[in-house]
């Protein structure tokens, strides 16, 4: 397997694409930090009910102009999160929502707390991002 090969998708990524995406966590509001810094983590789920793969997220913002946004997805206890993914996305103005499909499924074991923190390239103001993580159960992927 060539890691840098253009257009390559792992067998797991291909298998996940065949699973209907009807599972998502409720929208959480995450606030940016000041001066292009991440804000505090917003809890997405206190404890996953099953082994899952995170596969993407829907995101919107109170940003008033087009901008780049960034999210860090973390797992672990409050104040002790470990980043498992960082995602860049394009923010559309006035709370329009965008969907970002992760380039590879991210495994998360059952019973894991998941949280997200956000920022953007805006240096003049802090905005809120509305985030919903989408997932599939690992058992659904053959």
N, C-alpha and C. Protein backbone atom coordinates (compact mmCIF):
# COMPACT_ATOMS: atom_id res chain seq x y z
N UNK A 1 0.85 -1.18 0.00
CA UNK A 1 0.00 0.00 0.00
C UNK A 1 0.89 1.23 0.00
N UNK A 2 0.58 2.18 -0.85
CA UNK A 2 1.30 3.44 -0.91
C UNK A 2 0.48 4.50 -0.18
N UNK A 3 1.02 5.02 0.91
CA UNK A 3 0.28 5.96 1.73
C UNK A 3 -0.05 7.24 0.98
N UNK A 4 0.86 7.74 0.15
CA UNK A 4 0.64 9.01 -0.52
C UNK A 4 0.01 8.91 -1.89
N UNK A 5 -0.45 7.75 -2.28
CA UNK A 5 -0.98 7.56 -3.63
C UNK A 5 -2.28 8.34 -3.82
N UNK A 6 -2.36 9.13 -4.88
CA UNK A 6 -3.54 9.94 -5.17
C UNK A 6 -4.71 9.03 -5.51
N UNK A 7 -5.84 9.30 -4.88
CA UNK A 7 -7.05 8.54 -5.16
C UNK A 7 -7.17 7.24 -4.39
N UNK A 8 -6.16 6.91 -3.60
CA UNK A 8 -6.20 5.66 -2.84
C UNK A 8 -7.21 5.77 -1.70
N UNK A 9 -8.00 4.72 -1.51
CA UNK A 9 -8.87 4.63 -0.35
C UNK A 9 -8.63 3.28 0.31
N UNK A 10 -8.47 3.30 1.60
CA UNK A 10 -8.24 2.06 2.32
C UNK A 10 -9.47 1.16 2.19
N UNK A 11 -9.29 -0.15 2.34
CA UNK A 11 -10.45 -1.05 2.30
C UNK A 11 -11.51 -0.68 3.33
N UNK A 12 -11.08 -0.21 4.50
CA UNK A 12 -12.04 0.21 5.52
C UNK A 12 -12.86 1.40 5.04
N UNK A 13 -12.20 2.38 4.42
CA UNK A 13 -12.92 3.56 3.91
C UNK A 13 -13.94 3.15 2.86
N UNK A 14 -13.57 2.22 2.01
CA UNK A 14 -14.49 1.73 0.97
C UNK A 14 -15.67 1.00 1.61
N UNK A 15 -15.40 0.16 2.61
CA UNK A 15 -16.47 -0.59 3.29
C UNK A 15 -17.45 0.36 3.98
N UNK A 16 -16.94 1.40 4.62
CA UNK A 16 -17.80 2.35 5.33
C UNK A 16 -18.70 3.11 4.36
N UNK A 17 -18.21 3.37 3.15
CA UNK A 17 -19.02 4.10 2.17
C UNK A 17 -20.29 3.35 1.80
N UNK A 18 -20.27 2.03 1.94
CA UNK A 18 -21.44 1.23 1.60
C UNK A 18 -22.49 1.17 2.70
N UNK A 19 -22.21 1.75 3.86
CA UNK A 19 -23.13 1.71 4.99
C UNK A 19 -23.96 2.99 5.00
N UNK A 20 -25.27 2.82 5.15
CA UNK A 20 -26.14 4.00 5.17
C UNK A 20 -25.83 4.86 6.39
N UNK A 21 -25.67 6.14 6.16
CA UNK A 21 -25.36 7.07 7.24
C UNK A 21 -26.66 7.63 7.79
N UNK A 22 -27.14 7.01 8.84
CA UNK A 22 -28.36 7.51 9.47
C UNK A 22 -28.12 7.77 10.95
N UNK A 23 -26.86 7.79 11.33
CA UNK A 23 -26.53 7.99 12.73
C UNK A 23 -25.69 9.26 12.88
N UNK A 24 -26.13 10.10 13.78
CA UNK A 24 -25.39 11.33 14.04
C UNK A 24 -25.71 11.77 15.46
N UNK A 25 -24.78 12.52 16.03
CA UNK A 25 -24.99 13.06 17.36
C UNK A 25 -25.67 14.42 17.24
N UNK A 26 -26.48 14.80 18.24
CA UNK A 26 -27.15 16.09 18.20
C UNK A 26 -26.14 17.23 18.04
N UNK A 27 -26.61 18.33 17.48
CA UNK A 27 -25.76 19.50 17.26
C UNK A 27 -25.30 20.08 18.59
N UNK A 28 -24.01 20.39 18.67
CA UNK A 28 -23.47 21.10 19.83
C UNK A 28 -22.93 22.44 19.35
N UNK A 29 -22.92 23.42 20.24
CA UNK A 29 -22.34 24.72 19.92
C UNK A 29 -20.97 24.80 20.56
N UNK A 30 -19.97 25.05 19.73
CA UNK A 30 -18.60 25.21 20.21
C UNK A 30 -18.15 26.62 19.88
N UNK A 31 -17.59 27.31 20.86
CA UNK A 31 -17.14 28.68 20.66
C UNK A 31 -15.66 28.72 20.34
N UNK A 32 -15.29 29.61 19.44
CA UNK A 32 -13.88 29.82 19.12
C UNK A 32 -13.18 30.48 20.29
N UNK A 33 -11.86 30.32 20.34
CA UNK A 33 -11.05 31.09 21.27
C UNK A 33 -10.72 32.43 20.63
N UNK A 34 -10.00 33.27 21.33
CA UNK A 34 -9.61 34.57 20.81
C UNK A 34 -8.39 34.45 19.91
N UNK A 35 -8.31 35.33 18.94
CA UNK A 35 -7.13 35.45 18.06
C UNK A 35 -6.70 34.13 17.43
N UNK A 36 -7.60 33.51 16.74
CA UNK A 36 -7.33 32.30 15.97
C UNK A 36 -6.88 31.12 16.84
N UNK A 37 -7.35 31.07 18.06
CA UNK A 37 -7.02 29.95 18.96
C UNK A 37 -8.26 29.08 19.14
N UNK A 38 -8.02 27.81 19.42
CA UNK A 38 -9.14 26.93 19.73
C UNK A 38 -9.84 27.40 20.99
N UNK A 39 -11.16 27.25 21.02
CA UNK A 39 -11.93 27.50 22.22
C UNK A 39 -11.95 26.25 23.08
N UNK A 40 -12.82 26.25 24.06
CA UNK A 40 -12.96 25.11 24.96
C UNK A 40 -13.68 23.96 24.23
N UNK A 41 -13.45 22.75 24.71
CA UNK A 41 -14.16 21.60 24.14
C UNK A 41 -15.64 21.67 24.48
N UNK A 42 -16.48 21.27 23.53
CA UNK A 42 -17.91 21.09 23.74
C UNK A 42 -18.18 19.59 23.66
N UNK A 43 -18.82 19.04 24.65
CA UNK A 43 -19.08 17.60 24.67
C UNK A 43 -20.10 17.22 23.62
N UNK A 44 -19.76 16.23 22.81
CA UNK A 44 -20.67 15.71 21.79
C UNK A 44 -21.48 14.56 22.38
N UNK A 45 -20.81 13.63 23.04
CA UNK A 45 -21.47 12.50 23.69
C UNK A 45 -20.65 12.11 24.92
N UNK A 46 -21.34 11.84 26.02
CA UNK A 46 -20.66 11.49 27.27
C UNK A 46 -20.05 10.09 27.20
N UNK A 47 -20.71 9.19 26.48
CA UNK A 47 -20.24 7.82 26.39
C UNK A 47 -20.85 7.17 25.16
N UNK A 48 -20.01 6.76 24.21
CA UNK A 48 -20.56 6.11 23.02
C UNK A 48 -21.21 4.79 23.42
N UNK A 49 -22.33 4.48 22.78
CA UNK A 49 -23.11 3.29 23.15
C UNK A 49 -22.55 2.02 22.53
N UNK A 50 -21.72 2.16 21.50
CA UNK A 50 -21.15 1.01 20.81
C UNK A 50 -19.82 1.42 20.20
N UNK A 51 -19.07 0.44 19.71
CA UNK A 51 -17.86 0.76 18.94
C UNK A 51 -18.32 1.42 17.64
N UNK A 52 -17.76 2.59 17.33
CA UNK A 52 -18.19 3.33 16.15
C UNK A 52 -17.00 3.76 15.31
N UNK A 53 -17.32 4.20 14.08
CA UNK A 53 -16.39 4.94 13.25
C UNK A 53 -16.98 6.32 13.03
N UNK A 54 -16.25 7.36 13.38
CA UNK A 54 -16.66 8.71 13.01
C UNK A 54 -16.33 8.87 11.53
N UNK A 55 -17.30 9.35 10.74
CA UNK A 55 -17.09 9.41 9.29
C UNK A 55 -17.23 10.81 8.70
N UNK A 56 -17.73 11.76 9.49
CA UNK A 56 -17.88 13.10 8.96
C UNK A 56 -18.59 14.00 9.95
N UNK A 57 -18.83 15.24 9.52
CA UNK A 57 -19.53 16.17 10.38
C UNK A 57 -20.25 17.23 9.56
N UNK A 58 -21.36 17.68 10.11
CA UNK A 58 -22.05 18.84 9.55
C UNK A 58 -21.65 20.02 10.43
N UNK A 59 -21.39 21.16 9.79
CA UNK A 59 -20.95 22.32 10.56
C UNK A 59 -21.52 23.60 9.97
N UNK A 60 -21.92 24.50 10.84
CA UNK A 60 -22.38 25.82 10.46
C UNK A 60 -21.77 26.82 11.42
N UNK A 61 -21.90 28.11 11.14
CA UNK A 61 -21.26 29.11 11.97
C UNK A 61 -22.03 30.42 11.94
N UNK A 62 -21.76 31.24 12.94
CA UNK A 62 -22.31 32.59 12.96
C UNK A 62 -21.36 33.56 12.23
N UNK A 63 -20.32 33.01 11.62
CA UNK A 63 -19.37 33.82 10.82
C UNK A 63 -20.15 34.63 9.80
N UNK A 64 -19.77 35.88 9.59
CA UNK A 64 -20.50 36.76 8.67
C UNK A 64 -19.84 36.88 7.30
N UNK A 65 -18.76 36.16 7.09
CA UNK A 65 -18.10 36.17 5.78
C UNK A 65 -17.53 34.79 5.52
N UNK A 66 -17.17 34.50 4.28
CA UNK A 66 -16.54 33.22 3.98
C UNK A 66 -15.21 33.14 4.72
N UNK A 67 -14.92 31.99 5.27
CA UNK A 67 -13.72 31.84 6.08
C UNK A 67 -13.35 30.36 6.16
N UNK A 68 -12.16 30.08 6.62
CA UNK A 68 -11.74 28.70 6.90
C UNK A 68 -11.98 28.41 8.37
N UNK A 69 -12.55 27.25 8.66
CA UNK A 69 -12.76 26.82 10.03
C UNK A 69 -11.94 25.57 10.30
N UNK A 70 -11.69 25.34 11.56
CA UNK A 70 -10.92 24.16 11.97
C UNK A 70 -11.56 23.57 13.21
N UNK A 71 -11.64 22.25 13.25
CA UNK A 71 -12.17 21.55 14.42
C UNK A 71 -11.17 20.50 14.86
N UNK A 72 -11.05 20.34 16.15
CA UNK A 72 -10.27 19.26 16.74
C UNK A 72 -11.26 18.35 17.47
N UNK A 73 -11.29 17.08 17.08
CA UNK A 73 -12.15 16.10 17.73
C UNK A 73 -11.30 15.39 18.76
N UNK A 74 -11.79 15.35 19.99
CA UNK A 74 -11.02 14.72 21.06
C UNK A 74 -11.83 13.68 21.81
N UNK A 75 -11.12 12.78 22.44
CA UNK A 75 -11.75 11.77 23.30
C UNK A 75 -11.10 11.84 24.67
N UNK A 76 -11.83 11.38 25.67
CA UNK A 76 -11.30 11.36 27.03
C UNK A 76 -12.09 12.27 27.95
N UNK A 77 -11.70 12.25 29.20
CA UNK A 77 -12.38 13.03 30.22
C UNK A 77 -12.27 14.52 30.00
N UNK A 78 -13.22 15.26 30.55
CA UNK A 78 -13.22 16.72 30.43
C UNK A 78 -11.93 17.28 31.00
N UNK A 79 -11.27 18.11 30.21
CA UNK A 79 -10.01 18.70 30.62
C UNK A 79 -8.80 17.84 30.32
N UNK A 80 -9.04 16.61 29.87
CA UNK A 80 -7.93 15.70 29.56
C UNK A 80 -8.12 15.04 28.19
N UNK A 81 -8.76 15.77 27.27
CA UNK A 81 -9.04 15.21 25.94
C UNK A 81 -7.75 14.96 25.16
N UNK A 82 -7.79 13.92 24.35
CA UNK A 82 -6.71 13.63 23.41
C UNK A 82 -7.26 13.83 22.01
N UNK A 83 -6.60 14.64 21.20
CA UNK A 83 -7.07 14.91 19.84
C UNK A 83 -6.89 13.66 18.99
N UNK A 84 -7.99 13.22 18.36
CA UNK A 84 -7.93 12.06 17.46
C UNK A 84 -8.07 12.47 16.00
N UNK A 85 -8.49 13.72 15.76
CA UNK A 85 -8.62 14.21 14.38
C UNK A 85 -8.66 15.73 14.40
N UNK A 86 -8.04 16.33 13.39
CA UNK A 86 -8.19 17.76 13.14
C UNK A 86 -8.73 17.91 11.73
N UNK A 87 -9.74 18.74 11.58
CA UNK A 87 -10.46 18.86 10.32
C UNK A 87 -10.52 20.33 9.90
N UNK A 88 -10.19 20.59 8.65
CA UNK A 88 -10.34 21.93 8.08
C UNK A 88 -11.60 21.95 7.22
N UNK A 89 -12.31 23.05 7.23
CA UNK A 89 -13.53 23.16 6.43
C UNK A 89 -13.77 24.62 6.06
N UNK A 90 -14.58 24.81 5.04
CA UNK A 90 -14.91 26.15 4.55
C UNK A 90 -16.20 26.60 5.22
N UNK A 91 -16.14 27.72 5.92
CA UNK A 91 -17.32 28.28 6.56
C UNK A 91 -18.06 29.20 5.61
N UNK A 92 -19.33 28.96 5.47
CA UNK A 92 -20.18 29.82 4.65
C UNK A 92 -20.83 30.86 5.55
N UNK A 93 -21.11 32.04 5.05
CA UNK A 93 -21.65 33.10 5.90
C UNK A 93 -23.08 32.83 6.38
N UNK A 94 -23.38 33.46 7.52
CA UNK A 94 -24.73 33.47 8.08
C UNK A 94 -25.31 32.08 8.36
N UNK A 95 -24.52 31.25 9.00
CA UNK A 95 -24.98 29.97 9.54
C UNK A 95 -25.37 28.94 8.49
N UNK A 96 -24.95 29.11 7.24
CA UNK A 96 -25.17 28.05 6.26
C UNK A 96 -24.38 26.82 6.70
N UNK A 97 -24.91 25.65 6.45
CA UNK A 97 -24.25 24.43 6.91
C UNK A 97 -23.49 23.76 5.77
N UNK A 98 -22.41 23.12 6.13
CA UNK A 98 -21.61 22.35 5.17
C UNK A 98 -21.38 20.97 5.76
N UNK A 99 -21.16 19.99 4.89
CA UNK A 99 -20.85 18.64 5.35
C UNK A 99 -19.42 18.30 4.96
N UNK A 100 -18.69 17.76 5.90
CA UNK A 100 -17.31 17.35 5.68
C UNK A 100 -17.22 15.86 5.93
N UNK A 101 -16.85 15.12 4.89
CA UNK A 101 -16.64 13.67 5.06
C UNK A 101 -15.16 13.47 5.37
N UNK A 102 -14.87 12.74 6.44
CA UNK A 102 -13.49 12.51 6.83
C UNK A 102 -12.80 11.64 5.78
N UNK A 103 -11.51 11.87 5.57
CA UNK A 103 -10.78 11.12 4.55
C UNK A 103 -10.60 9.65 4.94
N UNK A 104 -10.70 9.35 6.21
CA UNK A 104 -10.63 7.96 6.69
C UNK A 104 -11.53 7.84 7.91
N UNK A 105 -12.19 6.70 8.08
CA UNK A 105 -13.02 6.50 9.27
C UNK A 105 -12.15 6.54 10.53
N UNK A 106 -12.68 7.09 11.60
CA UNK A 106 -11.94 7.21 12.85
C UNK A 106 -12.58 6.29 13.88
N UNK A 107 -11.88 5.22 14.28
CA UNK A 107 -12.48 4.29 15.24
C UNK A 107 -12.55 4.89 16.64
N UNK A 108 -13.69 4.68 17.29
CA UNK A 108 -13.90 5.13 18.67
C UNK A 108 -14.54 3.97 19.43
N UNK A 109 -13.90 3.50 20.50
CA UNK A 109 -14.45 2.38 21.25
C UNK A 109 -15.72 2.74 22.03
N UNK A 110 -16.49 1.74 22.35
CA UNK A 110 -17.68 1.90 23.17
C UNK A 110 -17.30 2.50 24.52
N UNK A 111 -18.18 3.36 25.04
CA UNK A 111 -17.96 3.94 26.36
C UNK A 111 -17.03 5.14 26.36
N UNK A 112 -16.72 5.69 25.18
CA UNK A 112 -15.77 6.80 25.08
C UNK A 112 -16.49 8.14 25.03
N UNK A 113 -16.00 9.11 25.78
CA UNK A 113 -16.51 10.47 25.70
C UNK A 113 -15.88 11.14 24.48
N UNK A 114 -16.70 11.84 23.68
CA UNK A 114 -16.23 12.54 22.48
C UNK A 114 -16.59 14.02 22.61
N UNK A 115 -15.63 14.89 22.26
CA UNK A 115 -15.85 16.33 22.35
C UNK A 115 -15.19 17.00 21.14
N UNK A 116 -15.55 18.25 20.89
CA UNK A 116 -15.00 18.99 19.75
C UNK A 116 -14.68 20.43 20.18
N UNK A 117 -13.58 20.97 19.65
CA UNK A 117 -13.27 22.39 19.84
C UNK A 117 -12.98 22.99 18.47
N UNK A 118 -13.21 24.31 18.33
CA UNK A 118 -13.15 24.93 17.00
C UNK A 118 -12.39 26.25 17.02
N UNK A 119 -12.00 26.68 15.82
CA UNK A 119 -11.45 28.01 15.59
C UNK A 119 -11.64 28.35 14.11
N UNK A 120 -11.27 29.57 13.73
CA UNK A 120 -11.30 29.96 12.32
C UNK A 120 -10.16 30.94 12.08
N UNK A 121 -9.99 31.35 10.82
CA UNK A 121 -8.92 32.28 10.49
C UNK A 121 -9.27 33.72 10.83
N UNK A 122 -10.49 33.96 11.24
CA UNK A 122 -10.89 35.32 11.60
C UNK A 122 -10.09 35.77 12.83
N UNK A 123 -9.49 36.94 12.74
CA UNK A 123 -8.72 37.44 13.88
C UNK A 123 -9.41 38.58 14.60
N UNK A 124 -10.55 39.01 14.08
CA UNK A 124 -11.20 40.18 14.66
C UNK A 124 -12.35 39.84 15.59
N UNK A 125 -12.84 38.62 15.53
CA UNK A 125 -13.99 38.27 16.36
C UNK A 125 -14.01 36.76 16.59
N UNK A 126 -14.69 36.36 17.63
CA UNK A 126 -14.89 34.93 17.89
C UNK A 126 -16.32 34.58 17.52
N UNK A 127 -16.48 33.43 16.87
CA UNK A 127 -17.78 32.98 16.41
C UNK A 127 -18.11 31.63 17.01
N UNK A 128 -19.39 31.29 16.96
CA UNK A 128 -19.83 29.97 17.38
C UNK A 128 -19.96 29.08 16.15
N UNK A 129 -19.59 27.82 16.31
CA UNK A 129 -19.77 26.82 15.26
C UNK A 129 -20.77 25.79 15.78
N UNK A 130 -21.70 25.41 14.94
CA UNK A 130 -22.66 24.35 15.26
C UNK A 130 -22.14 23.08 14.61
N UNK A 131 -21.88 22.05 15.40
CA UNK A 131 -21.23 20.84 14.90
C UNK A 131 -22.07 19.62 15.24
N UNK A 132 -22.24 18.73 14.27
CA UNK A 132 -22.86 17.43 14.48
C UNK A 132 -21.94 16.37 13.87
N UNK A 133 -21.45 15.46 14.70
CA UNK A 133 -20.60 14.39 14.20
C UNK A 133 -21.46 13.23 13.70
N UNK A 134 -21.07 12.67 12.56
CA UNK A 134 -21.79 11.55 11.96
C UNK A 134 -20.95 10.29 12.11
N UNK A 135 -21.62 9.16 12.29
CA UNK A 135 -20.90 7.92 12.55
C UNK A 135 -21.66 6.70 12.02
N UNK A 136 -20.96 5.60 11.97
CA UNK A 136 -21.57 4.30 11.71
C UNK A 136 -21.09 3.35 12.80
N UNK A 137 -21.93 2.38 13.14
CA UNK A 137 -21.50 1.36 14.10
C UNK A 137 -20.49 0.44 13.42
N UNK A 138 -19.43 0.10 14.14
CA UNK A 138 -18.42 -0.79 13.57
C UNK A 138 -19.03 -2.14 13.19
N UNK A 139 -20.02 -2.59 13.93
CA UNK A 139 -20.65 -3.88 13.62
C UNK A 139 -21.36 -3.88 12.26
N UNK A 140 -21.73 -2.70 11.76
CA UNK A 140 -22.44 -2.58 10.48
C UNK A 140 -21.49 -2.67 9.29
N UNK A 141 -20.19 -2.58 9.55
CA UNK A 141 -19.20 -2.60 8.47
C UNK A 141 -18.63 -4.00 8.39
N UNK A 142 -18.89 -4.65 7.25
CA UNK A 142 -18.46 -6.05 7.09
C UNK A 142 -16.97 -6.15 6.85
